[in-house]
Protein backbone atom coordinates (compact mmCIF):
# COMPACT_ATOMS: atom_id res chain seq x y z
CA MET A 1 -30.38 0.79 11.35
CA PHE A 2 -28.25 3.56 9.49
CA SER A 3 -29.92 6.40 7.49
CA ASP A 4 -29.62 6.70 3.76
CA ARG A 5 -27.39 9.61 4.36
CA HIS A 6 -25.03 7.88 6.53
CA GLN A 7 -24.67 5.04 3.91
CA ALA A 8 -24.13 7.54 1.08
CA ASP A 9 -21.43 9.21 3.28
CA GLU A 10 -19.86 5.86 3.81
CA ARG A 11 -19.74 4.94 0.12
CA ARG A 12 -18.18 8.43 -0.48
CA TRP A 13 -15.50 7.91 2.09
CA LEU A 14 -14.79 4.58 0.62
CA ARG A 15 -14.39 5.99 -2.95
CA ARG A 16 -11.98 8.68 -1.54
CA THR A 17 -9.87 6.25 0.64
CA ALA A 18 -9.92 2.89 -1.47
CA ILE A 19 -6.74 3.07 -3.62
CA GLY A 20 -7.35 1.63 -7.08
CA SER A 21 -10.86 0.45 -5.97
CA ARG A 22 -13.47 -0.99 -8.36
CA PHE A 23 -17.03 -0.36 -7.52
CA ALA A 24 -20.13 -2.09 -8.85
CA GLU A 25 -22.95 0.30 -8.34
CA SER A 26 -25.50 -2.14 -7.61
CA GLU A 27 -27.32 -2.37 -4.40
CA THR A 28 -26.41 -6.11 -4.03
CA GLU A 29 -22.62 -6.04 -4.37
CA GLU A 30 -19.92 -3.54 -3.87
CA LYS A 31 -16.35 -4.76 -4.85
CA VAL A 32 -13.61 -2.92 -2.92
CA MET A 33 -9.97 -3.57 -3.14
CA PHE A 34 -7.87 -1.80 -0.51
CA ASN A 35 -4.06 -1.42 -0.34
CA ARG A 36 -3.53 -1.86 3.49
CA LEU A 37 -2.40 1.21 5.00
CA ARG A 38 -0.40 0.87 8.21
CA PRO A 39 -0.23 4.35 9.89
CA PRO A 40 1.99 3.48 12.93
CA ARG A 41 4.34 1.66 10.81
CA ASP A 42 4.61 4.22 8.19
CA ILE A 43 4.88 6.99 10.55
CA ASP A 44 7.76 5.25 12.34
CA ARG A 45 9.52 4.95 8.96
CA LEU A 46 9.03 8.59 8.20
CA LEU A 47 10.49 9.53 11.65
CA ASP A 48 13.53 7.01 10.96
CA ASP A 49 14.15 8.90 7.68
CA VAL A 50 13.93 12.45 9.22
CA ASP A 51 16.27 11.32 12.06
CA ARG A 52 18.71 9.77 9.61
CA LEU A 53 18.43 12.86 7.40
CA ILE A 54 19.36 15.02 10.33
CA THR A 55 22.40 12.74 11.62
CA GLU A 56 23.64 11.50 8.18
CA GLY A 57 22.90 14.75 6.19
CA VAL A 58 23.50 14.92 2.40
CA ALA A 59 24.66 11.49 2.00
CA TYR A 60 21.29 9.91 3.10
CA ALA A 61 19.25 12.59 1.34
CA ARG A 62 20.68 11.45 -1.92
CA THR A 63 19.23 7.95 -1.42
CA PHE A 64 15.68 9.59 -1.66
CA SER A 65 16.15 10.17 -5.43
CA ARG A 66 16.91 6.44 -6.14
CA PRO A 67 14.08 4.52 -7.93
CA TYR A 68 13.61 1.97 -5.18
CA SER A 69 10.28 1.63 -3.68
CA SER A 70 11.16 0.31 -0.18
CA ARG A 71 13.71 -0.70 2.13
CA PRO A 72 14.21 -3.88 4.08
CA ALA A 73 13.81 -4.11 7.74
CA ILE A 74 17.37 -4.46 9.17
CA ASP A 75 18.86 -5.52 12.55
CA LEU A 76 22.39 -4.63 13.37
CA TYR A 77 24.15 -5.94 16.56
CA ASP A 78 27.52 -6.39 17.99
CA THR A 79 28.68 -9.66 19.63
CA GLY A 80 31.98 -8.28 20.94
CA THR A 81 34.26 -9.54 18.23
CA GLU A 82 31.80 -9.34 15.40
CA LEU A 83 28.92 -7.16 13.81
CA VAL A 84 25.92 -9.01 12.65
CA VAL A 85 23.41 -7.74 10.17
CA LYS A 86 20.05 -9.38 9.47
CA ALA A 87 17.98 -8.01 6.58
CA LEU A 88 14.55 -9.12 5.43
CA ALA A 89 14.12 -9.64 1.72
CA PRO A 90 11.07 -12.09 1.45
CA GLY A 91 10.80 -13.63 -1.90
CA GLY A 92 14.23 -12.60 -2.86
CA HIS A 93 16.98 -14.87 -4.14
CA PRO A 94 20.72 -14.99 -3.31
CA GLU A 95 21.85 -14.14 -6.81
CA GLU A 96 19.60 -11.08 -6.83
CA ILE A 97 21.21 -9.59 -3.72
CA GLY A 98 24.22 -7.29 -3.75
CA VAL A 99 26.37 -6.44 -0.69
CA ALA A 100 29.34 -4.03 -0.60
CA ILE A 101 31.36 -2.68 2.33
CA GLU A 102 33.71 0.27 2.00
CA LYS A 103 35.38 1.43 5.15
CA ASN A 104 32.53 1.50 7.65
CA THR A 105 29.74 1.61 5.06
CA LEU A 106 27.61 -1.35 4.15
CA THR A 107 25.31 -1.17 1.15
CA LEU A 108 22.73 -3.74 0.22
CA GLN A 109 20.75 -3.93 -2.92
CA GLY A 110 18.36 -6.48 -4.28
CA HIS A 111 14.85 -7.52 -5.08
CA TYR A 112 12.09 -8.67 -2.83
CA GLY A 113 8.47 -9.98 -3.28
CA TYR A 114 7.01 -11.66 -6.44
CA SER A 115 5.66 -10.79 -9.70
CA LEU A 116 2.95 -12.36 -11.95
CA SER A 117 3.62 -12.79 -15.66
CA GLU A 118 1.47 -10.75 -17.93
CA ASP A 119 -0.58 -13.80 -18.79
CA GLU A 120 -1.24 -14.53 -15.08
CA ASP A 121 -2.00 -10.96 -14.23
CA GLN A 122 -4.48 -10.33 -17.26
CA GLY A 123 -7.96 -10.28 -15.93
CA LEU A 124 -7.46 -10.72 -12.30
CA VAL A 125 -9.71 -8.90 -9.81
CA TRP A 126 -7.69 -8.14 -6.61
CA HIS A 127 -9.60 -8.37 -3.44
CA ARG A 128 -6.57 -7.72 -1.24
CA ARG A 129 -3.14 -6.94 -2.09
CA ASP A 130 -0.72 -6.40 0.65
CA ILE A 131 2.49 -8.00 -0.56
CA VAL A 132 4.51 -5.49 -2.28
CA SER A 133 7.53 -6.20 -4.47
CA GLY A 134 10.24 -4.07 -5.97
CA ARG A 135 13.98 -3.30 -5.62
CA PHE A 136 15.57 -1.96 -2.50
CA ALA A 137 18.99 -0.14 -1.78
CA GLU A 138 19.95 0.45 1.76
CA THR A 139 23.15 2.13 3.11
CA VAL A 140 24.13 1.31 6.78
CA THR A 141 26.86 3.14 8.67
CA LEU A 142 28.52 0.64 10.60
CA PRO A 143 29.85 1.68 14.12
CA VAL A 144 33.37 0.24 13.52
CA GLU A 145 35.61 -0.99 10.76
CA VAL A 146 35.18 -4.63 9.90
CA GLU A 147 37.65 -7.22 8.15
CA THR A 148 36.01 -7.09 4.78
CA GLU A 149 37.95 -10.12 3.47
CA GLN A 150 36.43 -12.38 6.37
CA VAL A 151 32.79 -11.28 5.91
CA ARG A 152 30.35 -14.20 5.77
CA ALA A 153 27.01 -13.68 3.90
CA THR A 154 24.08 -16.33 3.92
CA PHE A 155 20.50 -16.09 2.73
CA ALA A 156 17.80 -18.45 3.94
CA ASP A 157 14.18 -18.10 4.21
CA GLY A 158 14.09 -14.51 3.15
CA VAL A 159 16.61 -13.45 5.71
CA LEU A 160 20.00 -11.99 4.62
CA THR A 161 22.52 -12.61 7.49
CA LEU A 162 25.98 -10.94 7.39
CA VAL A 163 28.69 -11.78 10.03
CA MET A 164 31.44 -9.21 9.92
CA PRO A 165 34.39 -9.60 12.18
CA LYS A 166 35.65 -6.36 13.61
CA VAL A 167 39.17 -5.18 13.16
CA PRO A 168 41.37 -6.09 16.01
CA ALA A 169 41.70 -2.55 17.35
CA ALA A 170 37.66 -2.25 17.51
CA ARG A 171 37.17 -5.60 19.32
CA THR A 172 35.68 -5.33 22.82
CA LYS A 173 38.30 -6.20 25.48
CA ARG A 174 37.43 -7.16 28.98
CA ILE A 175 39.57 -5.48 31.60
CA PRO A 176 39.64 -7.10 34.96
CA VAL A 177 39.15 -4.53 38.01
CA GLN A 178 41.77 -5.34 40.92
CA GLY A 179 40.15 -4.41 44.31
């Protein structure tokens, strides 16, 4: 079906692209471990970082040097009277998550994922490893100031939810139009 040259080229390509792979050089078995690459997601995050670097400048650039390996997916929306933030931290625990608000800047820090003890990890042969774990730190610029004393934070099923009432001056007011 495929020529020997094609199969040899494919093996070389696998060796170059498989991150942390182990190969058994027998004809009957090849063990390969891949770390899943998701180019569209990675490119989107890169573009988000570049956009934030341009719009937020030096303050955002300083976060690149932090020893955190990833950042959580975050949603931020406005209900009219409150801002709501939802951040994914799968495998995290409420006591490992830090939330700070100063003026209109929200900072989230914490741990996500899981880790195996040295005893559990010893001698394992990974066939697939997509779940990452580590620490995160993310700074979000809020569009308006919030009442910091009335912020409610909950953590359930790996999702951190912050409900932040807006200061009265920043709340949406409906103005009826007379005709």
